[in-house]
Amino acid sequence: MKVNVEVDATPEELRRFFGWPDVQPLHEEMLRTIRERMQAGTEGYDPATLMQSFMPSQFQNMEGIQRAFWDAMAGGYGRSGGGSGGREGGSGND
């Protein structure tokens, strides 16, 4: 049996319905902080350095991001039941 439900609601209405917190003030504060840092260091502006304070510790460098990506892909690949397009397996498209 297949059931389709269509909901006509705004993101704000859905957020309230599910009881999710309103993160708009946090979002605005983060954007304000980023804007201030960008304006203060316009000459030496480095987006990666700017975002480091907002990212989890495992994402502080490119190797951490790549490791997290590959771990997520390997976990998803293992749960999906296999296939020939995995990281170790050959897809024939080399």
Protein backbone atom coordinates (compact mmCIF):
# COMPACT_ATOMS: atom_id res chain seq x y z
CA MET A 1 0.00 0.00 0.00
CA LYS A 2 1.31 3.43 -0.88
CA VAL A 3 0.09 6.59 0.83
CA ASN A 4 1.04 10.11 -0.21
CA VAL A 5 0.50 13.05 2.09
CA GLU A 6 0.83 16.59 0.85
CA VAL A 7 1.32 19.36 3.39
CA ASP A 8 0.89 23.01 2.53
CA ALA A 9 2.77 24.82 5.30
CA THR A 10 5.56 27.31 5.70
CA PRO A 11 8.88 26.26 7.26
CA GLU A 12 7.94 28.32 10.34
CA GLU A 13 4.62 26.47 10.71
CA LEU A 14 6.33 23.08 10.41
CA ARG A 15 9.00 24.07 12.92
CA ARG A 16 6.34 25.00 15.45
CA PHE A 17 4.27 21.88 14.70
CA PHE A 18 7.22 19.55 15.35
CA GLY A 19 8.34 21.57 18.38
CA TRP A 20 11.75 22.37 16.91
CA PRO A 21 13.62 25.35 18.35
CA ASP A 22 13.74 28.68 16.57
CA VAL A 23 17.38 29.00 15.47
CA GLN A 24 16.90 32.25 13.56
CA PRO A 25 18.45 34.43 16.34
CA LEU A 26 21.48 32.10 16.48
CA HIS A 27 21.79 32.18 12.70
CA GLU A 28 21.67 35.99 12.67
CA GLU A 29 24.28 36.20 15.43
CA MET A 30 26.63 33.85 13.58
CA LEU A 31 26.25 35.84 10.37
CA ARG A 32 26.91 39.08 12.27
CA THR A 33 30.08 37.58 13.79
CA ILE A 34 31.27 36.33 10.42
CA ARG A 35 30.56 39.70 8.82
CA GLU A 36 32.51 41.52 11.58
CA ARG A 37 35.50 39.19 11.21
CA MET A 38 35.48 39.60 7.45
CA GLN A 39 35.40 43.40 7.74
CA ALA A 40 38.10 43.47 10.42
CA GLY A 41 40.53 41.39 8.39
CA THR A 42 39.67 42.32 4.83
CA GLU A 43 43.31 42.33 3.76
CA GLY A 44 44.20 38.96 5.26
CA TYR A 45 40.76 37.37 4.85
CA ASP A 46 40.93 33.57 4.84
CA PRO A 47 37.54 31.79 4.75
CA ALA A 48 38.94 28.49 6.06
CA THR A 49 40.45 30.15 9.13
CA LEU A 50 37.28 32.16 9.68
CA MET A 51 35.09 29.05 9.71
CA GLN A 52 37.38 26.92 11.93
CA SER A 53 35.86 28.24 15.14
CA PHE A 54 32.39 27.20 13.97
CA MET A 55 33.31 23.67 12.88
CA PRO A 56 33.66 20.53 15.03
CA SER A 57 37.22 19.55 15.94
CA GLN A 58 37.35 16.60 13.50
CA PHE A 59 36.75 19.05 10.62
CA GLN A 60 39.59 21.42 11.51
CA ASN A 61 41.62 20.29 8.51
CA MET A 62 40.95 18.83 5.06
CA GLU A 63 42.08 15.34 6.11
CA GLY A 64 39.42 15.28 8.85
CA ILE A 65 36.72 16.28 6.37
CA GLN A 66 37.85 13.64 3.89
CA ARG A 67 38.00 10.98 6.62
CA ALA A 68 34.46 11.83 7.76
CA PHE A 69 33.24 11.74 4.17
CA TRP A 70 34.81 8.35 3.46
CA ASP A 71 33.60 6.91 6.77
CA ALA A 72 30.06 8.04 5.95
CA MET A 73 30.31 6.58 2.45
CA ALA A 74 31.73 3.28 3.71
CA GLY A 75 29.00 3.03 6.35
CA GLY A 76 26.29 3.72 3.81
CA TYR A 77 27.84 1.32 1.33
CA GLY A 78 27.96 -1.48 3.89
CA ARG A 79 24.30 -1.03 4.87
CA SER A 80 23.01 -0.89 1.31
CA GLY A 81 23.77 -4.51 0.61
CA GLY A 82 26.79 -4.13 -1.63
CA GLY A 83 27.21 -3.37 -5.26
CA SER A 84 30.16 -2.94 -7.55
CA GLY A 85 30.52 0.84 -7.25
CA GLY A 86 32.23 0.90 -3.85
CA ARG A 87 35.57 2.38 -2.91
CA GLU A 88 37.51 -0.90 -3.01
CA GLY A 89 35.42 -2.61 -5.63
CA GLY A 90 35.87 -1.86 -9.28
CA SER A 91 33.07 -0.14 -11.11
CA GLY A 92 34.55 -0.72 -14.53
CA ASN A 93 34.64 3.03 -15.15
CA ASP A 94 38.32 3.57 -14.34
